[in-house]
Amino acid sequence: MASKTSSTTDVVDTPAQVGQTLEADEKAAAAATVAAADSQSQSDNTSEIVRDFPWQWKAIALCSGIALSWGSSFSENTLGPLKSTLKKELDIDNVKYGALGSATSLVNTLLPIIGGYGLDYYGVEWGSLVCSVAVFLGAIISAAGTNQSTFGLVLGGRVVMGFGSTVIETCTSKILAHWFQHRGLGLVYGLDLAVGKLVVLIAKATAVPMRDASSFWGWALWIPAIICFANLVQNIHYVWWARSRPEWAQMMTTSRRRALEAKQEQELRNPGQEHTKIKGPGFAGFLTALWKICFHVPRLFWLVLVTQILQAGVVGGFNGLNADIISLTRGSTAQIAGYTSSVQQVIPVICAPLLGTFFDFFGHRMFFVSLTSAVWILVYCLIGFTKVHALAGMIIASFGSTMNALPFLVSIPLLVPNQEELGLVFGFWKASNNCGSVIVDMIAGRLQDITPNQTYERVIIFFVCVKGLEFCLGLFYGVLDRKYLGGILTMSERKRLVLEKQGKLEDLPGRRPSKKMTYTGLAILFCLVVIAWVLFIKYSL
């Protein structure tokens, strides 16, 4: 009996023992959970470390990405100082010159949208090659038109060039955003802007000397065509380099991601079986995905887009006309006016990276939108309505050029942090800017033609009014940022990264999509495209 009792005692635990066992089990489970969390954290950290590319790769990507658009930028910016030459040699008026200056922008009223999402969908590398080929062919056709002094051929070449010139800028934006992972974008975009301004400076300063290098004025377009060929060769090298990186370092395109998801789903359904090769979605799938992803674009991006319609066009229009304005108002020769107008590009070469670094360290991006507008209003008034030396106005304009596009370039990846949408939204941005450029060029040419003695007074008044509106918009954007974006456009990069790690920026109202804002933005953009094409056809034929 005693043995039975003893045996029973060995088998059946007392309540106290049960409690101790449960407590021990809970502690063990808690310890296992902590260990699993630590392991997951270490795995995440390892993934993050692997994802942080070597600085040598970043340096190559930075140099290659910035260099993508050198050829197109150089070719486009030789036209401004050659306005009088082009009017004389091609026998055209101011409106037709406006059509020539905006020809590259015309096809880019819609193409950046399709092209931008094409970069997301099929890949940046191959897209950049297509763009480089289009730029080179367009430059060759346009240069060939100078041999016969044929306006139609020169214009056609600029249109062909337009098929690549704007989308290739989106390639640069995506390349930099990928290799720098949204960190230090202010600095790298500032470097991109600085080098771009340096290319513009060289183009404007050398346009007239290229024209006068021989008895044939067409060398001013043939030399840029040669530079476009060199740019194509450089781009081929970048594509080879990027495709030779490990797969984890390459940009995941939308089509490849969907093909991988389909393959994984097939393997889960039929494990251990031989699977058929998954084909990527065709063009119909591309268009369907494009339409659907439009409704993922944040509402505040659409608001900024539709309120910035003419702003870039006004700056671009002035940059194309400033040499002629200086020549007409100051009596300068075409060569002196070209040199003076090119000064506008000097300060951005130094200040743009500094401004980008300022945005990274201190923020206040939208404040510079209003400040830039005030600077441009001052420049327009000095150049158009006073006899102040043009050099002073161009130096001030160089500060405006530094601050003009950069606040938006560094803000768009913050508004739309998803890489699979970034090419599309940059495409919308470029398309809107190009529509505005065509419209502004046509309006400016028409205003000059109907002004007595074809002076620029009415054109300058138009420019001042548009920039006055943007001054108010900059203040408005600051209010929206604080209310709907948690101040991410105002705060420094360090503070933003801390808040992101704490999960406080996960569901910002301004980043949410809105069907109403999407339909409104698409409708306004469609109307802009129609207006741009109607004005271009009316005044160029």
Protein backbone atom coordinates (compact mmCIF):
# COMPACT_ATOMS: atom_id res chain seq x y z
CA MET A 1 0.00 0.00 0.00
CA ALA A 2 2.82 2.26 0.82
CA SER A 3 4.48 1.44 -2.43
CA LYS A 4 1.32 2.24 -4.30
CA THR A 5 1.08 5.56 -2.56
CA SER A 6 4.68 6.26 -3.31
CA SER A 7 4.19 5.32 -6.91
CA THR A 8 1.17 7.54 -7.21
CA THR A 9 3.08 10.41 -5.69
CA ASP A 10 5.81 9.98 -8.29
CA VAL A 11 3.35 10.12 -11.16
CA VAL A 12 0.82 12.77 -10.10
CA ASP A 13 2.15 16.27 -9.42
CA THR A 14 0.83 18.41 -6.63
CA PRO A 15 -0.85 21.77 -7.45
CA ALA A 16 2.28 23.59 -6.32
CA GLN A 17 4.39 21.51 -8.67
CA VAL A 18 1.98 22.13 -11.54
CA GLY A 19 2.20 25.87 -10.89
CA GLN A 20 5.97 25.77 -10.86
CA THR A 21 5.99 23.77 -14.10
CA LEU A 22 3.64 26.22 -15.85
CA GLU A 23 5.74 29.13 -14.63
CA ALA A 24 8.89 27.48 -15.93
CA ASP A 25 7.20 26.80 -19.29
CA GLU A 26 6.10 30.45 -19.54
CA LYS A 27 9.63 31.65 -18.81
CA ALA A 28 11.03 29.26 -21.40
CA ALA A 29 8.48 30.42 -23.98
CA ALA A 30 9.26 34.07 -23.20
CA ALA A 31 12.97 33.39 -23.53
CA ALA A 32 12.37 31.64 -26.85
CA THR A 33 10.30 34.59 -28.08
CA VAL A 34 13.03 37.06 -27.12
CA ALA A 35 15.65 34.88 -28.80
CA ALA A 36 13.53 34.67 -31.93
CA ALA A 37 13.05 38.44 -31.91
CA ASP A 38 16.78 38.97 -31.47
CA SER A 39 17.47 36.55 -34.29
CA GLN A 40 14.95 38.33 -36.51
CA SER A 41 16.47 41.69 -35.59
CA GLN A 42 19.94 40.42 -36.41
CA SER A 43 18.61 39.04 -39.70
CA ASP A 44 17.00 42.38 -40.52
CA ASN A 45 20.19 44.22 -39.63
CA THR A 46 22.22 41.84 -41.77
CA SER A 47 19.80 42.38 -44.64
CA GLU A 48 20.08 46.12 -44.16
CA ILE A 49 23.88 45.94 -44.13
CA VAL A 50 23.89 43.84 -47.31
CA ARG A 51 21.45 46.28 -48.87
CA ASP A 52 23.78 49.21 -48.17
CA PHE A 53 25.84 49.10 -51.34
CA PRO A 54 29.64 49.53 -51.32
CA TRP A 55 30.77 53.11 -51.80
CA GLN A 56 32.66 52.13 -54.97
CA TRP A 57 29.37 51.02 -56.53
CA LYS A 58 27.66 54.19 -55.38
CA ALA A 59 30.42 56.33 -56.92
CA ILE A 60 30.15 54.54 -60.28
CA ALA A 61 26.33 54.77 -60.23
CA LEU A 62 26.49 58.45 -59.29
CA CYS A 63 28.88 59.36 -62.13
CA SER A 64 27.06 57.21 -64.68
CA GLY A 65 23.58 58.36 -63.66
CA ILE A 66 24.49 62.04 -63.74
CA ALA A 67 26.14 61.64 -67.17
CA LEU A 68 23.09 60.05 -68.83
CA SER A 69 21.52 63.31 -70.05
CA TRP A 70 24.66 65.28 -70.95
CA GLY A 71 24.21 64.91 -74.70
CA SER A 72 20.55 65.91 -74.85
CA SER A 73 21.08 68.82 -72.45
CA PHE A 74 24.03 70.17 -74.43
CA SER A 75 22.18 69.87 -77.73
CA GLU A 76 18.99 71.54 -76.45
CA ASN A 77 20.74 74.50 -74.86
CA THR A 78 22.73 75.54 -77.92
CA LEU A 79 19.54 76.92 -79.49
CA GLY A 80 19.03 79.96 -77.21
CA PRO A 81 22.16 81.94 -78.24
CA LEU A 82 21.49 80.95 -81.88
CA LYS A 83 17.99 82.43 -82.05
CA SER A 84 18.89 85.25 -84.45
CA THR A 85 20.95 82.85 -86.57
CA LEU A 86 18.16 80.29 -86.76
CA LYS A 87 15.59 82.94 -87.67
CA LYS A 88 17.82 84.21 -90.45
CA GLU A 89 19.09 80.91 -91.87
CA LEU A 90 15.78 79.05 -91.63
CA ASP A 91 13.65 82.11 -92.52
CA ILE A 92 11.28 81.81 -89.52
CA ASP A 93 9.54 84.21 -87.13
CA ASN A 94 9.45 84.30 -83.32
CA VAL A 95 6.52 81.89 -83.00
CA LYS A 96 8.20 79.30 -85.23
CA TYR A 97 11.36 79.67 -83.17
CA GLY A 98 9.19 79.05 -80.09
CA ALA A 99 7.96 75.87 -81.78
CA LEU A 100 11.56 74.86 -82.46
CA GLY A 101 12.59 75.53 -78.87
CA SER A 102 9.68 73.53 -77.47
CA ALA A 103 9.77 70.67 -80.00
CA THR A 104 11.57 68.32 -77.60
CA SER A 105 8.95 69.14 -74.98
CA LEU A 106 6.02 68.41 -77.32
CA VAL A 107 6.33 64.62 -77.45
CA ASN A 108 7.10 64.68 -73.75
CA THR A 109 3.61 65.90 -72.92
CA LEU A 110 2.57 62.23 -72.68
CA LEU A 111 5.67 60.11 -73.25
CA PRO A 112 7.20 60.60 -69.75
CA ILE A 113 4.14 58.96 -68.18
CA ILE A 114 4.35 55.82 -70.31
CA GLY A 115 8.14 55.92 -70.34
CA GLY A 116 8.40 56.56 -66.60
CA TYR A 117 6.22 53.59 -65.72
CA GLY A 118 8.01 51.59 -68.41
CA LEU A 119 11.19 52.12 -66.39
CA ASP A 120 9.41 50.78 -63.30
CA TYR A 121 7.93 47.89 -65.24
CA TYR A 122 10.73 46.70 -67.54
CA GLY A 123 13.89 48.22 -66.04
CA VAL A 124 15.92 51.42 -66.09
CA GLU A 125 18.94 50.04 -67.92
CA TRP A 126 17.22 49.05 -71.16
CA GLY A 127 14.99 52.12 -71.00
CA SER A 128 18.00 54.42 -70.78
CA LEU A 129 19.53 52.76 -73.86
CA VAL A 130 16.37 53.38 -75.89
CA CYS A 131 16.37 57.01 -74.77
CA SER A 132 20.04 57.50 -75.68
CA VAL A 133 19.48 56.08 -79.16
CA ALA A 134 16.49 58.41 -79.71
CA VAL A 135 18.52 61.43 -78.57
CA PHE A 136 21.40 60.54 -80.91
CA LEU A 137 19.15 59.98 -83.94
CA GLY A 138 17.27 63.22 -83.27
CA ALA A 139 20.51 65.19 -82.99
CA ILE A 140 21.75 63.74 -86.31
CA ILE A 141 18.49 64.56 -88.12
CA SER A 142 18.39 68.09 -86.71
CA ALA A 143 22.02 68.71 -87.64
CA ALA A 144 21.41 67.37 -91.15
CA GLY A 145 18.69 70.00 -91.56
CA THR A 146 21.30 72.75 -91.29
CA ASN A 147 23.00 71.54 -94.48
CA GLN A 148 19.91 72.45 -96.49
CA SER A 149 18.65 75.19 -94.12
CA THR A 150 15.39 73.23 -93.86
CA PHE A 151 13.18 74.24 -90.94
CA GLY A 152 11.05 71.08 -91.16
CA LEU A 153 14.06 68.78 -90.88
CA VAL A 154 15.58 70.70 -87.96
CA LEU A 155 12.18 70.67 -86.23
CA GLY A 156 11.67 66.96 -86.93
CA GLY A 157 15.03 66.13 -85.42
CA ARG A 158 14.15 67.98 -82.23
CA VAL A 159 10.88 66.04 -82.04
CA VAL A 160 12.73 62.71 -82.40
CA MET A 161 15.21 63.84 -79.76
CA GLY A 162 12.29 64.55 -77.47
CA PHE A 163 11.40 60.84 -77.39
CA GLY A 164 14.42 60.31 -75.18
CA SER A 165 15.50 63.62 -73.68
CA THR A 166 13.00 63.83 -70.82
CA VAL A 167 12.57 60.15 -69.97
CA ILE A 168 16.35 59.82 -69.63
CA GLU A 169 16.20 62.41 -66.83
CA THR A 170 13.74 60.12 -65.05
CA CYS A 171 16.31 57.33 -65.49
CA THR A 172 18.80 59.45 -63.56
CA SER A 173 16.29 60.10 -60.77
CA LYS A 174 15.48 56.40 -60.37
CA ILE A 175 19.13 55.32 -60.53
CA LEU A 176 20.15 57.75 -57.79
CA ALA A 177 17.12 56.89 -55.63
CA HIS A 178 17.96 53.17 -55.92
CA TRP A 179 21.70 53.24 -55.25
CA PHE A 180 21.38 55.74 -52.40
CA GLN A 181 18.16 54.23 -50.97
CA HIS A 182 16.52 57.62 -50.33
CA ARG A 183 19.46 58.64 -48.14
CA GLY A 184 21.44 61.75 -48.99
CA LEU A 185 19.19 62.43 -51.97
CA GLY A 186 19.49 66.16 -51.42
CA LEU A 187 23.24 65.96 -51.96
CA VAL A 188 23.21 63.62 -54.97
CA TYR A 189 20.33 65.42 -56.68
CA GLY A 190 22.18 68.66 -55.99
CA LEU A 191 25.28 67.24 -57.67
CA ASP A 192 23.15 66.16 -60.63
CA LEU A 193 21.68 69.65 -60.91
CA ALA A 194 25.12 71.24 -60.58
CA VAL A 195 26.65 69.15 -63.35
CA GLY A 196 23.58 69.76 -65.50
CA LYS A 197 24.01 73.51 -65.08
CA LEU A 198 27.68 73.16 -65.99
CA VAL A 199 26.70 71.42 -69.22
CA VAL A 200 24.18 74.20 -69.94
CA LEU A 201 26.86 76.79 -69.23
CA ILE A 202 29.26 75.18 -71.69
CA ALA A 203 26.52 74.80 -74.31
CA LYS A 204 25.45 78.44 -74.12
CA ALA A 205 29.00 79.77 -74.01
CA THR A 206 30.19 77.70 -76.98
CA ALA A 207 27.12 77.92 -79.24
CA VAL A 208 28.23 81.07 -81.11
CA PRO A 209 31.94 80.05 -81.29
CA MET A 210 30.83 76.71 -82.79
CA ARG A 211 28.78 78.65 -85.33
CA ASP A 212 31.73 80.89 -86.21
CA ALA A 213 34.36 78.12 -86.20
CA SER A 214 34.01 77.85 -89.97
CA SER A 215 31.99 79.31 -92.80
CA PHE A 216 29.28 76.69 -92.16
CA TRP A 217 26.99 77.71 -89.29
CA GLY A 218 25.63 74.17 -88.97
CA TRP A 219 28.61 73.04 -86.89
CA ALA A 220 26.70 74.54 -83.94
CA LEU A 221 24.35 71.53 -84.27
CA TRP A 222 26.75 68.90 -85.63
CA ILE A 223 29.15 69.12 -82.67
CA PRO A 224 26.32 68.47 -80.15
CA ALA A 225 25.32 65.46 -82.27
CA ILE A 226 28.84 64.05 -81.86
CA ILE A 227 28.57 64.58 -78.10
CA CYS A 228 25.27 62.67 -78.10
CA PHE A 229 27.06 59.72 -79.70
CA ALA A 230 29.73 59.78 -76.98
CA ASN A 231 26.91 59.87 -74.41
CA LEU A 232 25.37 56.76 -75.98
CA VAL A 233 28.67 54.87 -75.66
CA GLN A 234 28.93 55.87 -71.99
CA ASN A 235 25.37 54.65 -71.38
CA ILE A 236 26.16 51.26 -72.93
CA HIS A 237 29.02 50.92 -70.45
CA TYR A 238 26.72 51.70 -67.50
CA VAL A 239 24.15 49.11 -68.60
CA TRP A 240 26.88 46.47 -68.85
CA TRP A 241 28.16 47.40 -65.38
CA ALA A 242 24.71 47.47 -63.73
CA ARG A 243 23.67 44.13 -65.19
CA SER A 244 26.91 42.55 -63.98
CA ARG A 245 26.12 43.36 -60.32
CA PRO A 246 24.70 40.61 -58.05
CA GLU A 247 20.96 40.11 -58.37
CA TRP A 248 20.25 41.49 -54.88
CA ALA A 249 21.80 44.81 -55.94
CA GLN A 250 19.74 45.21 -59.10
CA MET A 251 16.46 47.10 -59.27
CA MET A 252 13.44 44.82 -59.03
CA THR A 253 11.07 45.72 -61.87
CA THR A 254 7.32 45.30 -61.58
CA SER A 255 7.14 42.69 -64.36
CA ARG A 256 9.97 40.62 -62.87
CA ARG A 257 8.44 40.79 -59.39
CA ARG A 258 5.08 39.57 -60.71
CA ALA A 259 6.74 36.77 -62.66
CA LEU A 260 8.56 35.66 -59.46
CA GLU A 261 5.31 35.78 -57.48
CA ALA A 262 3.60 33.64 -60.13
CA LYS A 263 6.48 31.16 -60.06
CA GLN A 264 6.39 30.91 -56.26
CA GLU A 265 2.64 30.38 -56.31
CA GLN A 266 3.06 27.62 -58.90
CA GLU A 267 5.71 25.90 -56.75
CA LEU A 268 3.47 26.04 -53.68
CA ARG A 269 0.55 24.48 -55.55
CA ASN A 270 2.60 21.72 -57.17
CA PRO A 271 5.73 21.07 -55.05
CA GLY A 272 8.37 18.80 -56.50
CA GLN A 273 7.03 18.99 -60.04
CA GLU A 274 8.63 20.45 -63.12
CA HIS A 275 7.08 23.83 -63.75
CA THR A 276 6.45 25.68 -66.96
CA LYS A 277 8.41 28.85 -67.59
CA ILE A 278 6.56 31.94 -66.44
CA LYS A 279 6.31 34.59 -69.11
CA GLY A 280 6.22 38.24 -68.19
CA PRO A 281 3.02 40.21 -68.81
CA GLY A 282 2.60 41.57 -72.31
CA PHE A 283 1.86 45.13 -73.42
CA ALA A 284 -1.82 44.80 -72.50
CA GLY A 285 -0.77 43.79 -68.99
CA PHE A 286 1.58 46.76 -68.92
CA LEU A 287 -1.22 49.21 -69.78
CA THR A 288 -3.57 47.61 -67.27
CA ALA A 289 -0.96 47.84 -64.54
CA LEU A 290 -0.23 51.45 -65.52
CA TRP A 291 -3.89 52.43 -65.17
CA LYS A 292 -4.25 50.65 -61.82
CA ILE A 293 -1.10 52.09 -60.28
CA CYS A 294 -2.23 55.63 -61.16
CA PHE A 295 -4.75 55.23 -58.34
CA HIS A 296 -1.97 54.41 -55.87
CA VAL A 297 -0.32 57.81 -56.33
CA PRO A 298 -0.68 59.96 -53.18
CA ARG A 299 -3.20 62.78 -53.21
CA LEU A 300 -0.76 65.53 -52.27
CA PHE A 301 1.45 64.70 -55.24
CA TRP A 302 -1.50 65.37 -57.54
CA LEU A 303 -2.20 68.66 -55.77
CA VAL A 304 1.40 69.83 -56.22
CA LEU A 305 1.37 68.66 -59.85
CA VAL A 306 -1.72 70.59 -60.95
CA THR A 307 -0.63 73.78 -59.17
CA GLN A 308 2.83 73.80 -60.77
CA ILE A 309 1.63 73.72 -64.38
CA LEU A 310 3.41 76.76 -65.86
CA GLN A 311 6.19 77.34 -63.31
CA ALA A 312 8.96 75.27 -64.92
CA GLY A 313 7.88 76.53 -68.36
CA VAL A 314 8.37 80.15 -67.32
CA VAL A 315 11.91 79.50 -66.11
CA GLY A 316 12.74 77.43 -69.18
CA GLY A 317 11.22 80.04 -71.46
CA PHE A 318 13.30 82.79 -69.89
CA ASN A 319 16.46 80.67 -70.14
CA GLY A 320 15.83 80.23 -73.84
CA LEU A 321 15.12 83.92 -74.43
CA ASN A 322 17.51 85.69 -72.05
CA ALA A 323 20.34 86.00 -74.59
CA ASP A 324 17.98 87.63 -77.10
CA ILE A 325 16.44 89.84 -74.38
CA ILE A 326 19.91 91.06 -73.38
CA SER A 327 20.85 91.71 -76.99
CA LEU A 328 17.62 93.62 -77.67
CA THR A 329 17.53 95.68 -74.46
CA ARG A 330 21.26 96.36 -74.05
CA GLY A 331 22.41 96.43 -77.66
CA SER A 332 24.92 93.61 -77.08
CA THR A 333 26.22 91.41 -79.86
CA ALA A 334 24.91 87.85 -80.04
CA GLN A 335 28.21 86.46 -78.75
CA ILE A 336 28.42 88.85 -75.77
CA ALA A 337 24.76 88.21 -74.96
CA GLY A 338 25.40 84.45 -75.07
CA TYR A 339 28.35 84.77 -72.69
CA THR A 340 26.34 87.01 -70.34
CA SER A 341 23.32 84.70 -70.28
CA SER A 342 25.56 81.70 -69.61
CA VAL A 343 26.66 83.29 -66.30
CA GLN A 344 23.27 82.18 -64.99
CA GLN A 345 24.61 78.62 -64.91
CA VAL A 346 27.79 79.33 -62.90
CA ILE A 347 26.60 79.63 -59.30
CA PRO A 348 24.37 76.50 -59.39
CA VAL A 349 27.48 74.42 -60.11
CA ILE A 350 28.72 75.25 -56.61
CA CYS A 351 25.53 76.05 -54.72
CA ALA A 352 23.25 73.20 -55.84
CA PRO A 353 25.12 70.47 -53.89
CA LEU A 354 25.29 72.80 -50.89
CA LEU A 355 21.56 73.46 -51.08
CA GLY A 356 20.85 69.74 -51.38
CA THR A 357 23.01 69.10 -48.31
CA PHE A 358 21.09 71.85 -46.49
CA PHE A 359 17.84 70.02 -47.24
CA ASP A 360 19.31 66.78 -45.87
CA PHE A 361 20.57 68.35 -42.65
CA PHE A 362 17.97 71.06 -41.95
CA GLY A 363 14.93 70.54 -44.23
CA HIS A 364 12.67 73.57 -44.97
CA ARG A 365 12.19 72.48 -48.60
CA MET A 366 8.94 74.31 -49.30
CA PHE A 367 10.21 77.60 -47.89
CA PHE A 368 12.61 77.74 -50.83
CA VAL A 369 9.72 77.52 -53.30
CA SER A 370 8.50 80.96 -52.24
CA LEU A 371 12.03 82.33 -51.92
CA THR A 372 12.87 81.17 -55.44
CA SER A 373 9.77 82.86 -56.85
CA ALA A 374 10.75 86.17 -55.24
CA VAL A 375 14.24 85.88 -56.75
CA TRP A 376 12.85 85.25 -60.24
CA ILE A 377 10.45 88.19 -60.01
CA LEU A 378 13.42 90.42 -59.16
CA VAL A 379 15.42 89.02 -62.10
CA TYR A 380 12.61 89.54 -64.61
CA CYS A 381 12.09 93.13 -63.50
CA LEU A 382 15.81 93.96 -63.60
CA ILE A 383 16.35 92.46 -67.05
CA GLY A 384 13.07 93.57 -68.62
CA PHE A 385 12.32 96.99 -67.12
CA THR A 386 15.65 98.53 -66.09
CA LYS A 387 19.00 99.34 -67.68
CA VAL A 388 21.00 97.63 -64.92
CA HIS A 389 23.96 95.76 -66.35
CA ALA A 390 22.72 92.39 -67.56
CA LEU A 391 25.52 90.61 -65.74
CA ALA A 392 24.04 91.63 -62.37
CA GLY A 393 20.65 90.24 -63.34
CA MET A 394 22.18 86.98 -64.56
CA ILE A 395 24.13 86.50 -61.33
CA ILE A 396 20.92 86.85 -59.34
CA ALA A 397 19.21 84.53 -61.82
CA SER A 398 21.86 81.92 -61.13
CA PHE A 399 20.67 81.75 -57.51
CA GLY A 400 17.13 81.30 -58.80
CA SER A 401 18.31 78.46 -61.05
CA THR A 402 19.96 76.80 -58.06
CA MET A 403 16.77 76.79 -56.03
CA ASN A 404 14.18 76.32 -58.76
CA ALA A 405 13.80 72.56 -59.31
CA LEU A 406 15.72 71.07 -56.39
CA PRO A 407 13.04 71.47 -53.66
CA PHE A 408 10.61 69.44 -55.76
CA LEU A 409 13.16 66.85 -56.89
CA VAL A 410 14.10 65.98 -53.31
CA SER A 411 10.47 66.13 -52.11
CA ILE A 412 8.90 63.78 -54.67
CA PRO A 413 10.65 60.63 -53.31
CA LEU A 414 9.39 61.63 -49.85
CA LEU A 415 5.84 62.08 -51.11
CA VAL A 416 6.02 58.78 -53.02
CA PRO A 417 8.52 56.50 -51.23
CA ASN A 418 7.59 53.34 -53.20
CA GLN A 419 10.24 52.59 -55.87
CA GLU A 420 7.64 50.83 -58.04
CA GLU A 421 5.73 54.12 -58.39
CA LEU A 422 8.67 56.52 -58.51
CA GLY A 423 9.28 56.34 -62.26
CA LEU A 424 5.59 56.92 -62.94
CA VAL A 425 5.28 59.98 -60.70
CA PHE A 426 8.47 61.48 -62.13
CA GLY A 427 6.88 60.82 -65.53
CA PHE A 428 3.75 62.72 -64.51
CA TRP A 429 5.96 65.53 -63.22
CA LYS A 430 8.02 65.74 -66.42
CA ALA A 431 4.92 65.54 -68.61
CA SER A 432 3.25 68.39 -66.74
CA ASN A 433 6.42 70.51 -66.94
CA ASN A 434 6.76 69.85 -70.67
CA CYS A 435 3.13 70.76 -71.32
CA GLY A 436 3.76 73.99 -69.45
CA SER A 437 6.95 74.62 -71.44
CA VAL A 438 5.17 74.26 -74.79
CA ILE A 439 2.31 76.51 -73.68
CA VAL A 440 4.64 79.15 -72.22
CA ASP A 441 6.87 79.16 -75.33
CA MET A 442 3.85 79.63 -77.59
CA ILE A 443 2.36 82.36 -75.38
CA ALA A 444 5.70 84.16 -75.09
CA GLY A 445 6.28 84.05 -78.86
CA ARG A 446 2.78 85.32 -79.56
CA LEU A 447 3.03 88.09 -76.95
CA GLN A 448 6.30 89.27 -78.48
CA ASP A 449 4.88 89.24 -82.01
CA ILE A 450 1.87 91.41 -81.05
CA THR A 451 3.97 93.85 -79.00
CA PRO A 452 4.99 97.06 -80.85
CA ASN A 453 8.57 96.73 -82.16
CA GLN A 454 8.50 93.09 -80.93
CA THR A 455 9.91 93.96 -77.52
CA TYR A 456 9.66 91.77 -74.43
CA GLU A 457 7.61 93.97 -72.04
CA ARG A 458 4.44 91.87 -72.22
CA VAL A 459 6.39 88.64 -72.01
CA ILE A 460 8.12 89.82 -68.83
CA ILE A 461 4.80 90.88 -67.27
CA PHE A 462 3.43 87.41 -67.98
CA PHE A 463 6.47 85.80 -66.35
CA VAL A 464 6.13 88.00 -63.25
CA CYS A 465 2.44 87.13 -62.81
CA VAL A 466 3.09 83.39 -62.96
CA LYS A 467 5.93 83.57 -60.44
CA GLY A 468 3.82 85.77 -58.16
CA LEU A 469 1.31 82.92 -57.99
CA GLU A 470 4.05 80.43 -57.11
CA PHE A 471 5.20 82.64 -54.21
CA CYS A 472 1.79 82.10 -52.59
CA LEU A 473 1.81 78.40 -53.45
CA GLY A 474 5.08 77.84 -51.58
CA LEU A 475 3.49 79.09 -48.37
CA PHE A 476 0.43 76.92 -49.04
CA TYR A 477 2.59 73.80 -49.50
CA GLY A 478 4.21 74.43 -46.11
CA VAL A 479 0.80 74.42 -44.42
CA LEU A 480 -0.21 71.19 -46.19
CA ASP A 481 3.09 69.55 -45.18
CA ARG A 482 2.56 70.23 -41.49
CA LYS A 483 -1.09 69.20 -41.58
CA TYR A 484 -1.08 66.11 -43.83
CA LEU A 485 2.52 64.88 -44.06
CA GLY A 486 3.71 65.18 -40.47
CA GLY A 487 6.22 67.85 -41.56
CA ILE A 488 8.47 65.44 -43.55
CA LEU A 489 9.15 68.14 -46.17
CA THR A 490 10.20 70.56 -43.43
CA MET A 491 12.22 68.31 -41.12
CA SER A 492 15.81 67.09 -41.56
CA GLU A 493 16.66 63.68 -42.96
CA ARG A 494 17.98 62.47 -39.59
CA LYS A 495 14.77 63.35 -37.79
CA ARG A 496 12.68 61.74 -40.53
CA LEU A 497 14.64 58.48 -40.34
CA VAL A 498 14.19 58.36 -36.54
CA LEU A 499 10.43 58.87 -36.87
CA GLU A 500 10.24 56.22 -39.58
CA LYS A 501 11.99 53.67 -37.32
CA GLN A 502 9.49 54.53 -34.57
CA GLY A 503 6.62 53.88 -37.02
CA LYS A 504 5.22 57.41 -36.74
CA LEU A 505 5.25 58.09 -40.49
CA GLU A 506 3.59 54.90 -41.70
CA ASP A 507 0.11 56.22 -42.54
CA LEU A 508 0.35 59.90 -43.34
CA PRO A 509 -2.92 61.35 -44.75
CA GLY A 510 -1.06 63.14 -47.55
CA ARG A 511 0.44 59.86 -48.80
CA ARG A 512 -2.93 58.16 -49.10
CA PRO A 513 -4.36 57.82 -52.60
CA SER A 514 -7.62 59.51 -53.56
CA LYS A 515 -9.72 58.56 -56.58
CA LYS A 516 -11.15 62.07 -56.75
CA MET A 517 -7.70 63.69 -56.81
CA THR A 518 -6.44 61.09 -59.30
CA TYR A 519 -9.28 61.72 -61.75
CA THR A 520 -8.85 65.48 -61.32
CA GLY A 521 -5.11 65.33 -61.91
CA LEU A 522 -5.44 63.08 -64.97
CA ALA A 523 -8.20 65.28 -66.43
CA ILE A 524 -6.17 68.49 -66.00
CA LEU A 525 -3.08 66.83 -67.46
CA PHE A 526 -5.10 65.61 -70.47
CA CYS A 527 -6.42 69.14 -71.06
CA LEU A 528 -2.86 70.49 -70.89
CA VAL A 529 -1.70 67.96 -73.48
CA VAL A 530 -4.52 68.96 -75.86
CA ILE A 531 -3.81 72.68 -75.42
CA ALA A 532 -0.06 72.17 -75.95
CA TRP A 533 -0.56 70.20 -79.16
CA VAL A 534 -3.16 72.62 -80.54
CA LEU A 535 -0.91 75.64 -79.91
CA PHE A 536 2.13 73.86 -81.34
CA ILE A 537 0.33 72.77 -84.52
CA LYS A 538 -1.29 76.18 -84.99
CA TYR A 539 1.91 78.21 -84.71
CA SER A 540 4.46 75.82 -86.22
CA LEU A 541 2.75 74.92 -89.49
